[in-house]
Protein backbone atom coordinates (compact mmCIF):
# COMPACT_ATOMS: atom_id res chain seq x y z
CA MET A 1 51.26 32.79 334.69
CA ALA A 2 50.93 31.68 338.33
CA LYS A 3 47.58 30.85 339.89
CA ALA A 4 46.37 32.75 342.94
CA ASN A 5 46.56 30.51 346.03
CA VAL A 6 43.51 30.81 348.29
CA LYS A 7 45.48 29.57 351.31
CA ASP A 8 48.08 32.33 350.84
CA LEU A 9 45.27 34.88 350.58
CA LEU A 10 43.75 33.52 353.79
CA ASP A 11 47.09 33.61 355.67
CA ALA A 12 47.61 37.23 354.64
CA GLY A 13 44.17 38.27 355.92
CA VAL A 14 42.91 39.29 352.51
CA HIS A 15 39.44 38.04 353.51
CA PHE A 16 38.83 40.54 356.33
CA GLY A 17 36.40 43.24 355.29
CA HIS A 18 34.99 46.20 357.21
CA LEU A 19 32.29 46.33 359.87
CA THR A 20 28.94 45.28 358.45
CA ARG A 21 27.43 48.71 359.16
CA LYS A 22 30.05 50.29 356.88
CA TRP A 23 29.51 48.04 353.90
CA ASN A 24 28.63 49.02 350.35
CA PRO A 25 25.71 46.88 349.10
CA ASN A 26 27.35 46.61 345.66
CA MET A 27 30.03 44.41 347.25
CA ALA A 28 27.41 41.79 348.14
CA PRO A 29 28.45 39.37 345.33
CA TYR A 30 31.96 39.20 346.82
CA ILE A 31 31.00 38.70 350.46
CA PHE A 32 31.09 35.15 351.80
CA MET A 33 29.62 35.68 355.28
CA GLU A 34 29.37 37.88 358.35
CA LYS A 35 31.39 37.06 361.47
CA ASN A 36 31.51 39.05 364.71
CA GLY A 37 30.07 42.10 362.97
CA ILE A 38 32.65 41.98 360.16
CA HIS A 39 32.11 41.00 356.55
CA ILE A 40 34.25 38.15 355.25
CA ILE A 41 35.29 38.31 351.61
CA ASP A 42 34.91 35.24 349.40
CA LEU A 43 38.55 34.42 348.61
CA HIS A 44 37.67 32.11 345.74
CA LYS A 45 36.17 35.11 343.96
CA THR A 46 39.18 37.20 344.98
CA ALA A 47 41.50 34.65 343.38
CA VAL A 48 39.52 34.75 340.13
CA LYS A 49 39.50 38.55 340.00
CA LEU A 50 43.18 38.74 340.91
CA GLU A 51 44.08 36.40 338.06
CA GLU A 52 41.90 38.37 335.61
CA ALA A 53 43.57 41.64 336.59
CA SER A 54 47.03 40.11 336.46
CA SER A 55 46.44 38.66 333.01
CA SER A 56 45.36 42.02 331.62
CA LEU A 57 48.28 43.87 333.23
CA ASN A 58 50.64 41.21 331.89
CA LYS A 59 49.47 42.01 328.36
CA ILE A 60 49.79 45.75 328.91
CA ALA A 61 53.38 45.31 330.10
CA ALA A 62 54.17 42.97 327.20
CA SER A 63 53.03 45.69 324.79
CA GLY A 64 55.52 48.12 326.31
CA ARG A 65 52.98 50.35 328.03
CA LYS A 66 53.12 51.85 331.51
CA VAL A 67 50.99 51.15 334.57
CA LEU A 68 50.69 53.91 337.18
CA PHE A 69 50.41 52.70 340.79
CA VAL A 70 48.58 54.90 343.31
CA ALA A 71 48.49 54.50 347.09
CA THR A 72 48.89 57.36 349.56
CA LYS A 73 47.63 55.67 352.74
CA LYS A 74 50.34 55.09 355.34
CA GLN A 75 50.20 51.28 355.43
CA ALA A 76 50.33 50.96 351.64
CA LYS A 77 52.67 53.65 350.31
CA ASP A 78 56.02 51.94 351.08
CA ILE A 79 54.78 48.58 349.82
CA VAL A 80 53.51 50.05 346.57
CA ALA A 81 56.71 52.06 346.05
CA ARG A 82 58.85 48.94 346.54
CA HIS A 83 56.88 46.78 344.12
CA ALA A 84 56.53 49.54 341.50
CA GLU A 85 60.26 50.24 341.59
CA SER A 86 61.03 46.53 341.19
CA ILE A 87 59.28 46.55 337.80
CA ASN A 88 60.28 50.09 336.83
CA MET A 89 56.73 51.46 336.81
CA PRO A 90 55.68 54.99 337.86
CA TYR A 91 53.87 55.49 341.16
CA ILE A 92 52.27 58.12 343.38
CA THR A 93 52.57 57.56 347.13
CA GLU A 94 52.44 61.15 348.38
CA ARG A 95 49.53 63.53 347.84
CA TRP A 96 47.75 62.98 344.51
CA PRO A 97 48.53 66.06 342.35
CA GLY A 98 45.18 67.36 341.11
CA GLY A 99 45.07 67.07 337.32
CA MET A 100 47.80 64.45 337.32
CA LEU A 101 46.03 62.75 334.41
CA THR A 102 43.44 65.23 333.13
CA ASN A 103 45.96 68.09 333.03
CA PHE A 104 49.05 66.04 332.28
CA VAL A 105 50.75 68.86 330.36
CA THR A 106 51.02 70.94 333.54
CA ILE A 107 52.46 68.01 335.47
CA ARG A 108 55.05 67.45 332.72
CA LYS A 109 56.04 71.13 332.96
CA ALA A 110 56.66 70.68 336.68
CA VAL A 111 58.82 67.61 335.98
CA LYS A 112 60.75 69.56 333.34
CA LYS A 113 61.31 72.30 335.92
CA MET A 114 62.83 69.69 338.22
CA ASN A 115 65.10 68.45 335.44
CA SER A 116 66.04 72.04 334.59
CA ILE A 117 67.21 72.60 338.17
CA ASP A 118 69.33 69.45 337.94
CA ARG A 119 70.98 70.77 334.76
CA MET A 120 71.69 74.09 336.50
CA LYS A 121 73.56 72.23 339.21
CA LYS A 122 75.55 70.23 336.69
CA ASP A 123 76.61 73.11 334.41
CA GLY A 124 77.55 75.46 337.26
CA THR A 125 74.74 77.98 336.75
CA PHE A 126 73.39 77.19 340.21
CA GLU A 127 76.60 78.43 341.87
CA THR A 128 76.27 81.86 340.24
CA LEU A 129 73.01 82.53 342.11
CA SER A 130 72.75 84.26 345.46
CA LYS A 131 72.52 82.21 348.63
CA LYS A 132 68.83 83.11 349.03
CA GLU A 133 68.02 82.07 345.43
CA ARG A 134 69.87 78.77 345.86
CA LEU A 135 67.92 78.06 349.04
CA GLN A 136 64.60 78.78 347.32
CA ILE A 137 65.49 76.56 344.37
CA ASP A 138 66.62 73.74 346.65
CA ARG A 139 63.29 73.88 348.49
CA LEU A 140 61.39 73.85 345.20
CA ARG A 141 63.46 70.91 343.95
CA ALA A 142 62.86 68.94 347.16
CA ASN A 143 59.11 69.55 346.98
CA LEU A 144 58.96 68.52 343.31
CA GLU A 145 61.00 65.40 344.04
CA LYS A 146 58.71 64.40 346.89
CA ASN A 147 55.54 64.70 344.83
CA LEU A 148 56.69 63.93 341.28
CA GLY A 149 60.06 62.20 341.51
CA SER A 150 58.54 58.76 341.00
CA ILE A 151 56.93 59.80 337.69
CA SER A 152 59.85 61.81 336.26
CA ASP A 153 60.30 59.24 333.47
CA MET A 154 56.59 59.05 332.59
CA THR A 155 56.48 61.06 329.36
CA ARG A 156 53.04 59.82 328.32
CA LEU A 157 49.76 59.05 329.98
CA PRO A 158 49.72 55.55 331.50
CA SER A 159 47.74 52.79 329.82
CA ALA A 160 46.36 51.62 333.18
CA VAL A 161 46.14 52.75 336.79
CA PHE A 162 46.38 50.42 339.79
CA VAL A 163 44.84 51.80 342.99
CA VAL A 164 44.88 50.70 346.62
CA ASP A 165 41.70 51.99 348.33
CA ILE A 166 39.42 53.64 345.78
CA LEU A 167 37.67 55.69 348.45
CA LYS A 168 40.86 57.47 349.49
CA GLU A 169 42.12 57.74 345.90
CA HIS A 170 38.74 58.70 344.41
CA ILE A 171 40.20 61.68 342.53
CA ALA A 172 42.70 59.43 340.75
CA VAL A 173 39.90 57.02 339.84
CA GLU A 174 37.70 59.84 338.53
CA GLU A 175 40.49 61.32 336.40
CA ALA A 176 41.29 57.94 334.88
CA GLN A 177 37.60 57.37 334.13
CA LYS A 178 37.33 60.73 332.34
CA LEU A 179 40.18 59.74 330.03
CA GLY A 180 39.04 56.17 329.50
CA ILE A 181 42.11 54.73 331.23
CA PRO A 182 41.27 51.32 332.76
CA VAL A 183 41.44 51.20 336.55
CA PHE A 184 42.61 48.12 338.46
CA ALA A 185 42.10 48.23 342.22
CA MET A 186 42.00 46.48 345.56
CA VAL A 187 38.38 47.02 346.61
CA ASP A 188 37.28 46.52 350.23
CA THR A 189 33.73 45.87 351.45
CA ASN A 190 33.10 49.58 352.08
CA SER A 191 33.69 50.51 348.42
CA ASP A 192 31.73 50.36 345.17
CA PRO A 193 33.39 47.87 342.77
CA ARG A 194 31.42 49.32 339.85
CA LYS A 195 33.66 52.39 339.88
CA VAL A 196 36.65 50.44 338.53
CA ASP A 197 37.21 48.20 335.52
CA PHE A 198 39.06 45.42 337.32
CA PRO A 199 38.05 45.22 341.02
CA ILE A 200 39.96 42.81 343.26
CA PRO A 201 37.81 42.21 346.37
CA SER A 202 40.32 42.34 349.22
CA ASN A 203 41.38 43.86 352.50
CA ASP A 204 42.98 47.17 351.49
CA ASP A 205 43.98 48.18 355.03
CA ALA A 206 46.32 45.42 356.22
CA SER A 207 49.95 45.63 355.03
CA LYS A 208 50.20 41.82 354.64
CA SER A 209 47.16 41.76 352.37
CA ILE A 210 48.41 44.68 350.28
CA ASP A 211 51.88 43.18 349.98
CA LEU A 212 50.57 39.81 348.80
CA VAL A 213 48.24 41.27 346.17
CA LEU A 214 50.84 43.76 344.92
CA GLY A 215 53.46 41.02 344.80
CA PHE A 216 51.21 38.89 342.61
CA ILE A 217 50.45 41.84 340.33
CA ALA A 218 54.12 42.86 340.10
CA ASN A 219 55.19 39.33 339.17
CA SER A 220 52.64 39.24 336.36
CA ILE A 221 53.88 42.56 335.01
CA LYS A 222 57.46 41.34 335.31
CA GLU A 223 56.56 38.30 333.20
CA GLY A 224 55.02 40.61 330.61
CA LEU A 225 58.18 42.73 330.51
CA SER A 226 60.30 39.60 330.10
CA THR A 227 58.10 38.44 327.22
CA ARG A 228 58.52 41.81 325.51
CA LYS A 229 62.29 41.72 325.99
CA ALA A 230 62.51 38.19 324.57
CA ASP A 231 60.37 39.14 321.57
CA LYS A 232 62.52 42.19 320.84
CA GLU A 233 65.72 40.16 321.05
CA LYS A 234 64.26 37.53 318.73
CA THR A 235 63.20 40.21 316.25
CA LYS A 236 66.65 41.78 316.43
CA LYS A 237 68.36 38.46 315.70
CA GLU A 238 66.09 37.89 312.75
CA GLY A 239 67.06 41.31 311.42
CA GLY A 240 63.51 42.61 311.35
CA LYS A 241 61.72 45.46 313.00
CA ASP A 242 59.72 45.18 316.16
CA ASN A 243 56.13 44.50 315.17
CA PRO A 244 53.85 47.34 316.31
CA ALA A 245 50.92 46.46 318.49
CA GLU A 246 47.51 46.35 316.88
CA VAL A 247 46.11 49.86 316.62
CA THR A 248 42.79 50.34 318.40
CA VAL A 249 40.35 53.18 318.88
CA GLU A 250 41.90 53.71 322.30
CA ASP A 251 45.30 54.13 320.64
CA PHE A 252 43.98 56.94 318.46
CA GLU A 253 42.37 58.64 321.45
CA ASN A 254 45.59 58.36 323.45
CA ARG A 255 47.62 59.67 320.52
CA GLU A 256 45.33 62.70 320.20
CA ARG A 257 45.68 63.41 323.90
CA GLU A 258 49.44 63.09 323.74
CA GLU A 259 49.71 65.36 320.73
CA SER A 260 47.62 68.00 322.49
CA PHE A 261 50.12 67.94 325.35
CA GLU A 262 53.12 68.73 323.14
CA GLU A 263 54.48 72.18 323.74
């Protein structure tokens, strides 16, 4: 796996934090200095944390599990969507649906509703409805697509959540914490890194910074997916079955949650 390059981080402005008066004292270990009233992030520590997060996400991807990406702020949403789509991972870039994780069964019902509308259009049922009903259904379908289209293939809870700006996405972070889902995040100097499992001290406002960090993360996940694909092909050639991942306490908890969501 590639090493994080401090010079690249510097060129992308990853080191620029917030105004010193807006800082969170818990970010002190990751702050290098103060310059012109702005905190400067220690990029050597950023590189270490970025590699740690990438390594863990690589393993999650290699085990065949999903990572949910979350970023609804204007300067991050398109970047996150592009990188998440490149590795076929679910993402939320519009408004966070309350209960997205803690009430996953309701979210799945909404996704099924969206799929049901698609089937109506394919089998001709849609055309038998009145003009007013078709208009209402089209509006519902468009709204569901906007908010949930990017997670339509996510049939189970994700094994990890990656967040850009934990202050803005605090509900997503809280829901993940309640379920014991590890949270990976870009954490700026105005945030509390203790709220996430894998904080990456970095500028979470500049598009260049977000793009660089997400690109590094996406490449690590892509490597994990490639490793899984190679292992499956090798197993197939050998005529054996794909070896299941080691079962952990977390696996049992996830399985219980998933079973409780079955209709």
